[in-house]
Amino acid sequence: MKKALSVFLCLAMACLFTVTPLAANETGTNQTPYIEARFTDFSNINIYLGKDDFGFLHVEGSAATASSENYVKVTITLEKYMTEGFEPMGDNFVWTAEGYFGAGTQATRSVSRGSYRARIDAECWRDGVLQESLTFNSNIVNVA
């Protein structure tokens, strides 16, 4: 009798404590297998930071829109890792570009030892009204 009661209780607990997962693994027809950026006005934005064998850092950045009516402003800032995090290095390490449809700039600078990244701030203007503003960071580059 005890054996039958324990089997019944085990089956009852197994049925009562079964939880269906809330996050079902369903795939829809509109899902993509990769992460896709969604910009309102920008069609492309990129930032690159690399170093050569001599310790020079090369930075490139650009942003483009799909319409020639849009005016693009790009500011690229080189930042160095300090005790509080990444901080801008000053006016000699800031580059700007602007123009209709898109803008971009590049520069090469000699730097001391440390960890660096580049930040791009891009703005899209139409008829004097700011449409979209984006900020992205490059990969971190270590100079030894």
Protein backbone atom coordinates (compact mmCIF):
# COMPACT_ATOMS: atom_id res chain seq x y z
CA MET A 1 0.00 0.00 0.00
CA LYS A 2 2.80 2.43 0.87
CA LYS A 3 4.51 1.64 -2.41
CA ALA A 4 1.38 2.38 -4.43
CA LEU A 5 0.80 5.60 -2.51
CA SER A 6 4.40 6.77 -3.08
CA VAL A 7 4.15 5.99 -6.84
CA PHE A 8 0.86 7.89 -7.02
CA LEU A 9 2.38 10.89 -5.18
CA CYS A 10 5.44 10.86 -7.45
CA LEU A 11 3.27 10.86 -10.56
CA ALA A 12 1.02 13.58 -9.13
CA MET A 13 4.01 15.79 -8.26
CA ALA A 14 5.56 15.21 -11.69
CA CYS A 15 2.34 16.32 -13.36
CA LEU A 16 1.69 19.26 -11.06
CA PHE A 17 5.24 20.66 -11.01
CA THR A 18 5.80 20.47 -14.74
CA VAL A 19 6.40 23.93 -16.14
CA THR A 20 6.09 24.79 -19.79
CA PRO A 21 8.84 27.10 -21.02
CA LEU A 22 7.72 30.66 -21.63
CA ALA A 23 10.31 31.30 -24.33
CA ALA A 24 9.24 28.89 -27.01
CA ASN A 25 11.64 28.24 -29.83
CA GLU A 26 9.47 29.47 -32.68
CA THR A 27 10.85 30.83 -35.91
CA GLY A 28 8.89 33.32 -37.93
CA THR A 29 9.25 34.15 -41.57
CA ASN A 30 10.49 37.69 -40.85
CA GLN A 31 13.42 36.69 -38.61
CA THR A 32 16.98 37.04 -39.85
CA PRO A 33 19.91 34.95 -38.61
CA TYR A 34 22.01 38.07 -37.90
CA ILE A 35 21.69 41.36 -36.08
CA GLU A 36 20.71 44.13 -38.44
CA ALA A 37 21.15 47.82 -37.61
CA ARG A 38 18.10 50.00 -38.08
CA PHE A 39 18.83 53.63 -38.84
CA THR A 40 16.20 56.19 -39.68
CA ASP A 41 18.19 58.40 -42.05
CA PHE A 42 21.71 56.96 -42.18
CA SER A 43 22.37 54.20 -44.67
CA ASN A 44 25.94 53.52 -43.56
CA ILE A 45 28.28 54.50 -40.73
CA ASN A 46 31.72 53.14 -39.93
CA ILE A 47 34.72 53.76 -37.70
CA TYR A 48 38.12 52.08 -37.92
CA LEU A 49 41.24 52.32 -35.76
CA GLY A 50 44.45 50.44 -36.54
CA LYS A 51 48.18 50.70 -35.90
CA ASP A 52 51.24 50.11 -38.02
CA ASP A 53 54.61 48.61 -37.13
CA PHE A 54 56.00 51.99 -36.04
CA GLY A 55 53.30 52.68 -33.43
CA PHE A 56 51.32 55.16 -35.52
CA LEU A 57 47.54 55.00 -35.19
CA HIS A 58 45.39 55.34 -38.29
CA VAL A 59 41.77 56.36 -37.86
CA GLU A 60 39.03 56.42 -40.51
CA GLY A 61 35.38 57.24 -40.18
CA SER A 62 32.45 58.04 -42.42
CA ALA A 63 28.69 58.25 -42.54
CA ALA A 64 26.30 58.31 -45.48
CA THR A 65 22.59 58.79 -46.05
CA ALA A 66 20.29 57.53 -48.75
CA SER A 67 19.18 61.02 -49.79
CA SER A 68 21.22 63.85 -51.27
CA GLU A 69 18.93 66.30 -49.43
CA ASN A 70 20.50 65.26 -46.12
CA TYR A 71 23.50 67.14 -44.73
CA VAL A 72 25.90 64.96 -42.73
CA LYS A 73 28.31 66.14 -40.02
CA VAL A 74 30.94 63.72 -38.74
CA THR A 75 33.27 64.19 -35.75
CA ILE A 76 35.94 61.60 -34.99
CA THR A 77 37.69 61.69 -31.61
CA LEU A 78 40.67 59.62 -30.53
CA GLU A 79 40.33 58.52 -26.90
CA LYS A 80 42.94 57.05 -24.52
CA TYR A 81 42.17 54.73 -21.62
CA MET A 82 42.84 56.47 -18.31
CA THR A 83 42.01 55.47 -14.73
CA GLU A 84 38.35 56.55 -15.09
CA GLY A 85 37.85 54.99 -18.52
CA PHE A 86 38.31 56.33 -22.04
CA GLU A 87 38.85 60.09 -22.28
CA PRO A 88 39.34 62.39 -25.30
CA MET A 89 42.97 63.29 -25.95
CA GLY A 90 42.44 66.94 -26.90
CA ASP A 91 41.92 69.17 -29.92
CA ASN A 92 44.84 67.72 -31.93
CA PHE A 93 43.06 64.37 -31.94
CA VAL A 94 39.62 65.49 -33.19
CA TRP A 95 38.72 65.54 -36.88
CA THR A 96 35.54 66.77 -38.54
CA ALA A 97 33.97 66.52 -41.97
CA GLU A 98 30.61 67.50 -43.40
CA GLY A 99 28.73 67.48 -46.65
CA TYR A 100 25.55 66.57 -48.46
CA PHE A 101 24.75 62.87 -48.83
CA GLY A 102 27.73 61.84 -46.65
CA ALA A 103 31.03 62.77 -45.05
CA GLY A 104 34.21 61.07 -43.96
CA THR A 105 37.77 61.74 -42.85
CA GLN A 106 40.96 59.94 -41.92
CA ALA A 107 44.18 60.73 -40.08
CA THR A 108 47.40 59.16 -38.84
CA ARG A 109 48.98 60.17 -35.53
CA SER A 110 51.94 59.14 -33.41
CA VAL A 111 50.94 58.24 -29.85
CA SER A 112 52.57 57.04 -26.65
CA ARG A 113 52.00 53.68 -25.00
CA GLY A 114 48.47 52.86 -23.95
CA SER A 115 45.05 51.63 -25.02
CA TYR A 116 43.11 53.68 -27.56
CA ARG A 117 39.77 53.73 -29.32
CA ALA A 118 38.14 56.06 -31.84
CA ARG A 119 34.64 57.48 -31.44
CA ILE A 120 32.49 58.76 -34.29
CA ASP A 121 29.63 61.16 -33.72
CA ALA A 122 27.46 61.54 -36.81
CA GLU A 123 24.54 63.88 -37.34
CA CYS A 124 22.04 63.95 -40.17
CA TRP A 125 20.39 67.33 -40.90
CA ARG A 126 17.58 68.19 -43.34
CA ASP A 127 16.38 71.77 -43.86
CA GLY A 128 18.22 72.89 -40.71
CA VAL A 129 16.51 70.28 -38.50
CA LEU A 130 18.45 67.47 -36.84
CA GLN A 131 17.00 64.17 -38.11
CA GLU A 132 19.26 61.59 -36.48
CA SER A 133 22.35 61.49 -34.29
CA LEU A 134 24.53 58.39 -33.79
CA THR A 135 27.68 57.55 -31.81
CA PHE A 136 29.83 54.46 -32.28
CA ASN A 137 33.21 53.32 -30.93
CA SER A 138 35.93 51.45 -32.76
CA ASN A 139 37.77 48.42 -31.53
CA ILE A 140 40.42 48.99 -28.82
CA VAL A 141 44.02 49.16 -30.04
CA ASN A 142 46.95 48.68 -27.66
CA VAL A 143 50.24 50.45 -28.35
CA ALA A 144 53.22 48.96 -26.52
